[in-house]
C-alpha atoms as a PDB file:
ATOM      1  CA  MET A   1      -3.216  -5.993 -11.578  1.00  0.00           C
ATOM      2  CA  ALA A   2      -5.447  -8.330 -13.017  1.00  0.00           C
ATOM      3  CA  GLY A   3      -8.491  -8.489 -11.560  1.00  0.00           C
ATOM      4  CA  HIS A   4      -9.120 -12.186 -11.229  1.00  0.00           C
ATOM      5  CA  SER A   5      -6.072 -12.633  -8.988  1.00  0.00           C
ATOM      6  CA  LYS A   6      -6.750  -9.229  -7.137  1.00  0.00           C
ATOM      7  CA  TRP A   7     -10.596 -10.092  -6.612  1.00  0.00           C
ATOM      8  CA  SER A   8      -9.777 -13.819  -5.361  1.00  0.00           C
ATOM      9  CA  ASN A   9      -7.071 -12.501  -3.104  1.00  0.00           C
ATOM     10  CA  ILE A  10      -9.186  -9.824  -1.753  1.00  0.00           C
ATOM     11  CA  LYS A  11     -11.803 -12.384  -0.678  1.00  0.00           C
ATOM     12  CA  HIS A  12      -9.350 -14.835   0.578  1.00  0.00           C
ATOM     13  CA  ARG A  13      -7.687 -12.236   2.598  1.00  0.00           C
ATOM     14  CA  LYS A  14     -10.892 -10.656   4.113  1.00  0.00           C
ATOM     15  CA  GLY A  15     -11.563 -14.362   5.504  1.00  0.00           C
ATOM     16  CA  ARG A  16      -8.182 -14.569   7.345  1.00  0.00           C
ATOM     17  CA  GLN A  17      -8.448 -10.940   8.594  1.00  0.00           C
ATOM     18  CA  ASP A  18     -11.801 -11.609   9.885  1.00  0.00           C
ATOM     19  CA  ALA A  19     -10.283 -14.646  11.910  1.00  0.00           C
ATOM     20  CA  LYS A  20      -7.190 -12.359  13.131  1.00  0.00           C
ATOM     21  CA  LYS A  21      -8.993  -9.028  13.715  1.00  0.00           C
ATOM     22  CA  GLY A  22      -6.889  -8.523  17.089  1.00  0.00           C
ATOM     23  CA  LYS A  23      -3.650  -8.718  14.741  1.00  0.00           C
ATOM     24  CA  VAL A  24      -5.324  -6.482  12.108  1.00  0.00           C
ATOM     25  CA  PHE A  25      -6.161  -3.698  15.003  1.00  0.00           C
ATOM     26  CA  THR A  26      -2.715  -3.900  16.044  1.00  0.00           C
ATOM     27  CA  LYS A  27      -1.185  -2.927  12.689  1.00  0.00           C
ATOM     28  CA  LEU A  28      -3.693  -0.497  12.127  1.00  0.00           C
ATOM     29  CA  SER A  29      -3.178   0.995  15.478  1.00  0.00           C
ATOM     30  CA  LYS A  30       0.742   1.585  14.274  1.00  0.00           C
ATOM     31  CA  GLU A  31      -0.099   3.049  11.158  1.00  0.00           C
ATOM     32  CA  ILE A  32      -2.488   5.784  12.838  1.00  0.00           C
ATOM     33  CA  PHE A  33       0.430   6.615  15.400  1.00  0.00           C
ATOM     34  CA  GLN A  34       2.992   6.863  13.080  1.00  0.00           C
ATOM     35  CA  ALA A  35       0.557   9.600  10.934  1.00  0.00           C
ATOM     36  CA  VAL A  36      -0.193  11.415  13.956  1.00  0.00           C
ATOM     37  CA  ARG A  37       3.369  11.529  15.293  1.00  0.00           C
ATOM     38  CA  GLU A  38       4.679  12.574  11.618  1.00  0.00           C
ATOM     39  CA  SER A  39       2.185  15.039  11.078  1.00  0.00           C
ATOM     40  CA  GLY A  40      -0.511  16.072  13.603  1.00  0.00           C
ATOM     41  CA  GLY A  41      -3.519  14.593  14.766  1.00  0.00           C
ATOM     42  CA  ASP A  42      -6.216  16.411  12.539  1.00  0.00           C
ATOM     43  CA  PRO A  43      -7.491  13.983   9.592  1.00  0.00           C
ATOM     44  CA  VAL A  44      -8.894  17.148   7.966  1.00  0.00           C
ATOM     45  CA  THR A  45      -4.935  18.445   7.136  1.00  0.00           C
ATOM     46  CA  ASN A  46      -3.157  15.075   7.644  1.00  0.00           C
ATOM     47  CA  THR A  47      -4.152  12.878   4.484  1.00  0.00           C
ATOM     48  CA  THR A  48      -2.350  10.304   5.473  1.00  0.00           C
ATOM     49  CA  LEU A  49      -4.281   9.971   9.060  1.00  0.00           C
ATOM     50  CA  ARG A  50      -7.431  10.334   7.231  1.00  0.00           C
ATOM     51  CA  LEU A  51      -6.252   7.371   5.174  1.00  0.00           C
ATOM     52  CA  ALA A  52      -5.334   5.330   8.145  1.00  0.00           C
ATOM     53  CA  ILE A  53      -8.680   5.955  10.024  1.00  0.00           C
ATOM     54  CA  GLU A  54     -11.077   5.268   6.995  1.00  0.00           C
ATOM     55  CA  LYS A  55      -8.751   1.778   6.562  1.00  0.00           C
ATOM     56  CA  ALA A  56      -9.600   1.293  10.402  1.00  0.00           C
ATOM     57  CA  LYS A  57     -13.004   1.739   9.937  1.00  0.00           C
ATOM     58  CA  GLN A  58     -13.384  -0.305   6.765  1.00  0.00           C
ATOM     59  CA  ALA A  59     -11.828  -3.003   9.075  1.00  0.00           C
ATOM     60  CA  ASN A  60     -14.487  -2.693  12.113  1.00  0.00           C
ATOM     61  CA  MET A  61     -11.987  -1.157  14.256  1.00  0.00           C
ATOM     62  CA  PRO A  62     -13.858   0.637  17.322  1.00  0.00           C
ATOM     63  CA  ASN A  63     -13.735   4.193  17.253  1.00  0.00           C
ATOM     64  CA  ASP A  64     -12.616   4.021  20.820  1.00  0.00           C
ATOM     65  CA  ASN A  65      -9.717   2.181  19.428  1.00  0.00           C
ATOM     66  CA  ILE A  66      -9.084   5.120  17.054  1.00  0.00           C
ATOM     67  CA  GLU A  67      -9.523   7.765  19.523  1.00  0.00           C
ATOM     68  CA  ARG A  68      -6.998   6.103  22.354  1.00  0.00           C
ATOM     69  CA  THR A  69      -4.491   5.557  19.890  1.00  0.00           C
ATOM     70  CA  ILE A  70      -4.377   9.273  18.548  1.00  0.00           C
ATOM     71  CA  ASN A  71      -4.463  10.506  22.127  1.00  0.00           C
ATOM     72  CA  LYS A  72      -1.570   8.048  22.774  1.00  0.00           C
ATOM     73  CA  ALA A  73       0.612   9.772  19.882  1.00  0.00           C
ATOM     74  CA  LEU A  74      -0.562  13.161  20.707  1.00  0.00           C
ATOM     75  CA  GLY A  75       0.893  12.655  24.320  1.00  0.00           C
ATOM     76  CA  ASN A  76       4.262  11.994  22.792  1.00  0.00           C
ATOM     77  CA  ILE A  77       5.142   8.690  24.782  1.00  0.00           C
ATOM     78  CA  GLU A  78       8.318   8.444  25.520  1.00  0.00           C
ATOM     79  CA  GLY A  79      10.392   5.362  23.971  1.00  0.00           C
ATOM     80  CA  VAL A  80       8.214   4.795  21.184  1.00  0.00           C
ATOM     81  CA  ILE A  81       9.707   5.553  17.795  1.00  0.00           C
ATOM     82  CA  TYR A  82       8.863   3.696  14.509  1.00  0.00           C
ATOM     83  CA  GLU A  83      10.900   3.236  11.447  1.00  0.00           C
ATOM     84  CA  ASP A  84       9.221   2.771   7.834  1.00  0.00           C
ATOM     85  CA  ILE A  85      11.247  -0.248   6.007  1.00  0.00           C
ATOM     86  CA  ILE A  86      10.947  -1.440   2.576  1.00  0.00           C
ATOM     87  CA  TYR A  87      11.958  -5.183   1.714  1.00  0.00           C
ATOM     88  CA  GLU A  88      12.093  -6.702  -1.587  1.00  0.00           C
ATOM     89  CA  GLY A  89      12.461 -10.015  -3.044  1.00  0.00           C
ATOM     90  CA  TYR A  90      10.722 -13.075  -4.697  1.00  0.00           C
ATOM     91  CA  ALA A  91       8.389 -15.659  -3.701  1.00  0.00           C
ATOM     92  CA  PRO A  92       8.787 -18.876  -5.532  1.00  0.00           C
ATOM     93  CA  HIS A  93       8.073 -19.023  -9.375  1.00  0.00           C
ATOM     94  CA  GLY A  94       9.402 -15.747  -9.765  1.00  0.00           C
ATOM     95  CA  VAL A  95       6.731 -13.824  -8.144  1.00  0.00           C
ATOM     96  CA  ALA A  96       7.597 -10.235  -6.686  1.00  0.00           C
ATOM     97  CA  VAL A  97       7.295  -9.442  -3.528  1.00  0.00           C
ATOM     98  CA  TYR A  98       7.216  -5.924  -2.064  1.00  0.00           C
ATOM     99  CA  VAL A  99       6.841  -5.695   1.891  1.00  0.00           C
ATOM    100  CA  GLN A 100       6.254  -2.521   3.875  1.00  0.00           C
ATOM    101  CA  ALA A 101       7.087  -2.671   7.535  1.00  0.00           C
ATOM    102  CA  LEU A 102       6.739  -0.249  10.555  1.00  0.00           C
ATOM    103  CA  THR A 103       9.032  -1.331  13.307  1.00  0.00           C
ATOM    104  CA  ASP A 104      10.805  -0.228  16.571  1.00  0.00           C
ATOM    105  CA  ASN A 105      13.388  -2.690  16.367  1.00  0.00           C
ATOM    106  CA  LYS A 106      14.653  -2.812  12.639  1.00  0.00           C
ATOM    107  CA  ASN A 107      17.159  -5.525  13.467  1.00  0.00           C
ATOM    108  CA  ARG A 108      14.237  -7.734  14.726  1.00  0.00           C
ATOM    109  CA  THR A 109      12.141  -7.156  12.000  1.00  0.00           C
ATOM    110  CA  ALA A 110      14.806  -7.652   9.216  1.00  0.00           C
ATOM    111  CA  ALA A 111      15.760 -11.311  10.557  1.00  0.00           C
ATOM    112  CA  GLU A 112      12.078 -12.145  10.792  1.00  0.00           C
ATOM    113  CA  VAL A 113      11.319 -11.307   7.199  1.00  0.00           C
ATOM    114  CA  ARG A 114      14.382 -12.704   6.025  1.00  0.00           C
ATOM    115  CA  LEU A 115      13.476 -16.094   8.112  1.00  0.00           C
ATOM    116  CA  ALA A 116       9.900 -15.759   6.445  1.00  0.00           C
ATOM    117  CA  PHE A 117      11.540 -15.667   2.845  1.00  0.00           C
ATOM    118  CA  ASN A 118      14.090 -18.450   3.591  1.00  0.00           C
ATOM    119  CA  LYS A 119      11.215 -20.897   5.047  1.00  0.00           C
ATOM    120  CA  ASN A 120       9.121 -20.538   2.310  1.00  0.00           C
ATOM    121  CA  ASN A 121      11.289 -20.869  -0.595  1.00  0.00           C
ATOM    122  CA  GLY A 122      11.850 -17.303  -1.203  1.00  0.00           C
ATOM    123  CA  ASN A 123      14.611 -14.816  -1.779  1.00  0.00           C
ATOM    124  CA  LEU A 124      15.062 -11.674   0.026  1.00  0.00           C
ATOM    125  CA  GLY A 125      16.730  -9.293  -2.468  1.00  0.00           C
ATOM    126  CA  GLU A 126      18.538  -5.885  -2.336  1.00  0.00           C
ATOM    127  CA  SER A 127      16.768  -2.473  -2.099  1.00  0.00           C
ATOM    128  CA  GLY A 128      15.553  -1.851  -5.596  1.00  0.00           C
ATOM    129  CA  CYS A 129      15.337  -5.086  -6.904  1.00  0.00           C
ATOM    130  CA  VAL A 130      11.448  -5.328  -7.552  1.00  0.00           C
ATOM    131  CA  ALA A 131      10.442  -1.473  -6.750  1.00  0.00           C
ATOM    132  CA  PHE A 132      10.658  -0.767 -10.566  1.00  0.00           C
ATOM    133  CA  MET A 133       7.777  -3.237 -10.811  1.00  0.00           C
ATOM    134  CA  PHE A 134       5.316  -1.564  -8.730  1.00  0.00           C
ATOM    135  CA  ALA A 135       3.831   2.360  -8.367  1.00  0.00           C
ATOM    136  CA  ARG A 136       1.746   4.000  -6.004  1.00  0.00           C
ATOM    137  CA  LYS A 137      -2.135   4.241  -7.013  1.00  0.00           C
ATOM    138  CA  GLY A 138      -5.360   4.693  -5.913  1.00  0.00           C
ATOM    139  CA  TYR A 139      -7.525   1.847  -6.231  1.00  0.00           C
ATOM    140  CA  LEU A 140     -11.333   1.337  -6.293  1.00  0.00           C
ATOM    141  CA  LEU A 141     -13.093  -2.086  -6.821  1.00  0.00           C
ATOM    142  CA  PHE A 142     -16.503  -2.455  -7.619  1.00  0.00           C
ATOM    143  CA  GLU A 143     -18.588  -5.736  -7.766  1.00  0.00           C
ATOM    144  CA  LYS A 144     -20.375  -6.346 -11.178  1.00  0.00           C
ATOM    145  CA  THR A 145     -23.894  -6.095 -10.648  1.00  0.00           C
ATOM    146  CA  GLU A 146     -27.056  -6.554 -12.997  1.00  0.00           C
ATOM    147  CA  LYS A 147     -27.519  -2.493 -11.875  1.00  0.00           C
ATOM    148  CA  LEU A 148     -23.759  -1.137 -12.598  1.00  0.00           C
ATOM    149  CA  ASP A 149     -23.530   0.364 -16.099  1.00  0.00           C
ATOM    150  CA  GLU A 150     -20.252  -0.388 -17.080  1.00  0.00           C
ATOM    151  CA  ASP A 151     -20.010   2.304 -19.564  1.00  0.00           C
ATOM    152  CA  ILE A 152     -21.685   4.681 -16.978  1.00  0.00           C
ATOM    153  CA  VAL A 153     -18.380   3.580 -14.688  1.00  0.00           C
ATOM    154  CA  LEU A 154     -16.268   4.446 -17.226  1.00  0.00           C
ATOM    155  CA  LEU A 155     -17.302   7.832 -18.119  1.00  0.00           C
ATOM    156  CA  GLU A 156     -18.016   8.775 -15.018  1.00  0.00           C
ATOM    157  CA  ALA A 157     -14.450   7.849 -13.342  1.00  0.00           C
ATOM    158  CA  ILE A 158     -12.853   9.328 -16.119  1.00  0.00           C
ATOM    159  CA  GLU A 159     -15.027  12.701 -15.064  1.00  0.00           C
ATOM    160  CA  ALA A 160     -13.980  12.646 -11.581  1.00  0.00           C
ATOM    161  CA  GLY A 161     -10.155  12.079 -12.603  1.00  0.00           C
ATOM    162  CA  ALA A 162      -9.513   8.783 -12.448  1.00  0.00           C
ATOM    163  CA  GLU A 163      -6.445   7.427 -15.095  1.00  0.00           C
ATOM    164  CA  ASP A 164      -7.983   4.103 -16.007  1.00  0.00           C
ATOM    165  CA  VAL A 165     -11.027   1.654 -15.669  1.00  0.00           C
ATOM    166  CA  LYS A 166     -10.269  -2.121 -15.757  1.00  0.00           C
ATOM    167  CA  ASN A 167     -13.344  -4.093 -16.959  1.00  0.00           C
ATOM    168  CA  GLU A 168     -12.955  -7.467 -15.506  1.00  0.00           C
ATOM    169  CA  ALA A 169     -14.786 -10.869 -15.097  1.00  0.00           C
ATOM    170  CA  ASP A 170     -16.867 -10.020 -12.112  1.00  0.00           C
ATOM    171  CA  ALA A 171     -15.240  -6.515 -11.449  1.00  0.00           C
ATOM    172  CA  LEU A 172     -14.438  -2.978 -12.121  1.00  0.00           C
ATOM    173  CA  GLU A 173     -11.306  -1.702 -11.076  1.00  0.00           C
ATOM    174  CA  VAL A 174     -10.739   2.215 -10.947  1.00  0.00           C
ATOM    175  CA  ILE A 175      -7.019   3.234 -11.165  1.00  0.00           C
ATOM    176  CA  THR A 176      -6.187   6.985  -9.890  1.00  0.00           C
ATOM    177  CA  ALA A 177      -3.182   8.905  -9.312  1.00  0.00           C
ATOM    178  CA  PRO A 178      -2.700   8.950  -5.251  1.00  0.00           C
ATOM    179  CA  GLU A 179      -3.260  12.881  -5.595  1.00  0.00           C
ATOM    180  CA  ASP A 180      -6.500  12.166  -7.104  1.00  0.00           C
ATOM    181  CA  PHE A 181      -7.681   9.355  -5.290  1.00  0.00           C
ATOM    182  CA  GLU A 182      -9.879  11.390  -2.501  1.00  0.00           C
ATOM    183  CA  GLN A 183     -11.510  13.134  -5.062  1.00  0.00           C
ATOM    184  CA  VAL A 184     -12.629  10.047  -7.075  1.00  0.00           C
ATOM    185  CA  LYS A 185     -13.468   8.113  -3.919  1.00  0.00           C
ATOM    186  CA  GLN A 186     -15.621  11.070  -2.849  1.00  0.00           C
ATOM    187  CA  CYS A 187     -17.591  11.438  -6.541  1.00  0.00           C
ATOM    188  CA  LEU A 188     -17.761   8.260  -8.008  1.00  0.00           C
ATOM    189  CA  PRO A 189     -19.956   6.285  -5.912  1.00  0.00           C
ATOM    190  CA  ASN A 190     -22.401   9.062  -5.749  1.00  0.00           C
ATOM    191  CA  ALA A 191     -22.325   9.404  -9.821  1.00  0.00           C
ATOM    192  CA  ILE A 192     -22.910   5.253 -10.450  1.00  0.00           C
ATOM    193  CA  ASN A 193     -25.000   4.733  -7.248  1.00  0.00           C
ATOM    194  CA  ALA A 194     -22.630   1.869  -5.901  1.00  0.00           C
ATOM    195  CA  GLU A 195     -20.258   1.729  -3.235  1.00  0.00           C
ATOM    196  CA  PRO A 196     -16.677   0.155  -3.606  1.00  0.00           C
ATOM    197  CA  ILE A 197     -15.642  -2.968  -2.142  1.00  0.00           C
ATOM    198  CA  VAL A 198     -12.052  -1.572  -1.846  1.00  0.00           C
ATOM    199  CA  ALA A 199     -10.942   1.887  -1.967  1.00  0.00           C
ATOM    200  CA  GLU A 200      -7.288   2.516  -0.884  1.00  0.00           C
ATOM    201  CA  VAL A 201      -3.976   3.767  -1.787  1.00  0.00           C
ATOM    202  CA  THR A 202      -2.059   1.189  -2.778  1.00  0.00           C
ATOM    203  CA  MET A 203       0.893  -0.390  -4.809  1.00  0.00           C
ATOM    204  CA  LEU A 204       0.101  -1.826  -8.199  1.00  0.00           C
ATOM    205  CA  PRO A 205       2.561  -3.949 -10.244  1.00  0.00           C
ATOM    206  CA  SER A 206       3.009  -2.912 -13.607  1.00  0.00           C
ATOM    207  CA  THR A 207       3.388  -6.501 -15.192  1.00  0.00           C
ATOM    208  CA  THR A 208       2.219  -9.846 -13.266  1.00  0.00           C
ATOM    209  CA  THR A 209       3.307 -13.371 -12.776  1.00  0.00           C
ATOM    210  CA  LEU A 210       1.030 -16.014 -14.117  1.00  0.00           C
ATOM    211  CA  VAL A 211       1.073 -19.547 -11.825  1.00  0.00           C
ATOM    212  CA  ASN A 212      -1.443 -22.265 -11.535  1.00  0.00           C
ATOM    213  CA  ASP A 213      -3.377 -23.017  -8.346  1.00  0.00           C
ATOM    214  CA  GLU A 214      -0.408 -25.775  -7.103  1.00  0.00           C
ATOM    215  CA  GLN A 215       2.276 -23.221  -7.333  1.00  0.00           C
ATOM    216  CA  ALA A 216       0.090 -20.458  -5.962  1.00  0.00           C
ATOM    217  CA  LEU A 217      -0.205 -22.124  -2.695  1.00  0.00           C
ATOM    218  CA  ALA A 218       3.508 -21.869  -2.249  1.00  0.00           C
ATOM    219  CA  ILE A 219       3.393 -18.435  -2.942  1.00  0.00           C
ATOM    220  CA  ILE A 220       0.265 -17.555  -0.941  1.00  0.00           C
ATOM    221  CA  GLN A 221       2.010 -19.414   2.259  1.00  0.00           C
ATOM    222  CA  LEU A 222       5.409 -16.907   1.619  1.00  0.00           C
ATOM    223  CA  ILE A 223       2.684 -14.090   1.863  1.00  0.00           C
ATOM    224  CA  GLU A 224       0.603 -15.163   4.527  1.00  0.00           C
ATOM    225  CA  ALA A 225       3.904 -15.476   6.764  1.00  0.00           C
ATOM    226  CA  LEU A 226       4.974 -12.070   5.994  1.00  0.00           C
ATOM    227  CA  GLU A 227       1.471 -10.693   6.869  1.00  0.00           C
ATOM    228  CA  ASP A 228       1.385 -12.594  10.286  1.00  0.00           C
ATOM    229  CA  ASN A 229       4.580 -10.855  11.534  1.00  0.00           C
ATOM    230  CA  ASP A 230       3.292  -7.651  13.825  1.00  0.00           C
ATOM    231  CA  ASP A 231       5.694  -5.427  11.954  1.00  0.00           C
ATOM    232  CA  VAL A 232       4.671  -6.019   8.462  1.00  0.00           C
ATOM    233  CA  GLN A 233       1.898  -3.421   7.450  1.00  0.00           C
ATOM    234  CA  ASN A 234       1.435  -4.678   3.812  1.00  0.00           C
ATOM    235  CA  VAL A 235       2.641  -7.002   1.520  1.00  0.00           C
ATOM    236  CA  TYR A 236       2.200  -6.390  -2.120  1.00  0.00           C
ATOM    237  CA  HIS A 237       2.802  -8.637  -5.264  1.00  0.00           C
ATOM    238  CA  ASN A 238       2.313  -9.327  -8.836  1.00  0.00           C
ATOM    239  CA  LEU A 239       0.888 -12.540  -8.526  1.00  0.00           C
ATOM    240  CA  GLU A 240      -1.752 -13.890 -11.151  1.00  0.00           C
ATOM    241  CA  ILE A 241      -3.465 -16.841 -10.868  1.00  0.00           C
ATOM    242  CA  ALA A 242      -4.834 -18.747 -13.929  1.00  0.00           C
ATOM    243  CA  ASP A 243      -8.527 -19.210 -14.464  1.00  0.00           C
END
């Protein structure tokens, strides 16, 4: 994904998330809950849970909330069953959108996701219509500073097991295979003496769709409508905004 688009989107979304911490915490709790139900409550052996906890801490979710959610999941509460569902489609101007949802009522979620696409001039498509454009990857984003030597970042990232390093205008993007993400995340910051702004396993597009500022507003409107749905965990896209 192009750094300009990714970096701009991250700054924009952080402001929205800070203003809606309650909604963000609800989604993170569901992610932790599901991870515990699937593979147990030990983050040492449950990689999915470990990543979910790290994501929650990055969002400043209180430890008490995290522990309470894990304990609830371990208690096998009757009647709470979540299902993972993927929705795929297009935003205005041909931008691909890949939506991950976690729901206890797939009919409700499907109707709400379809409504969000329809109301914002998008098109909800069939399964597989955009999935081929995305790949699951580990992703670390470092903001460029005077102290950050780009050549050293490249050498140390590859040494730690990264697949690629992309040099963008104001950031360095480090891409890894999902199974190598944890090792790179542990080794690289120490080697280059810098902490990543973003460190996550995500879905990255193989190609991007370039739009101007005016066109981007319509696309972001759909993305935000989807993100505001409590059942939607992640919204990925291949939007790139022209400088």
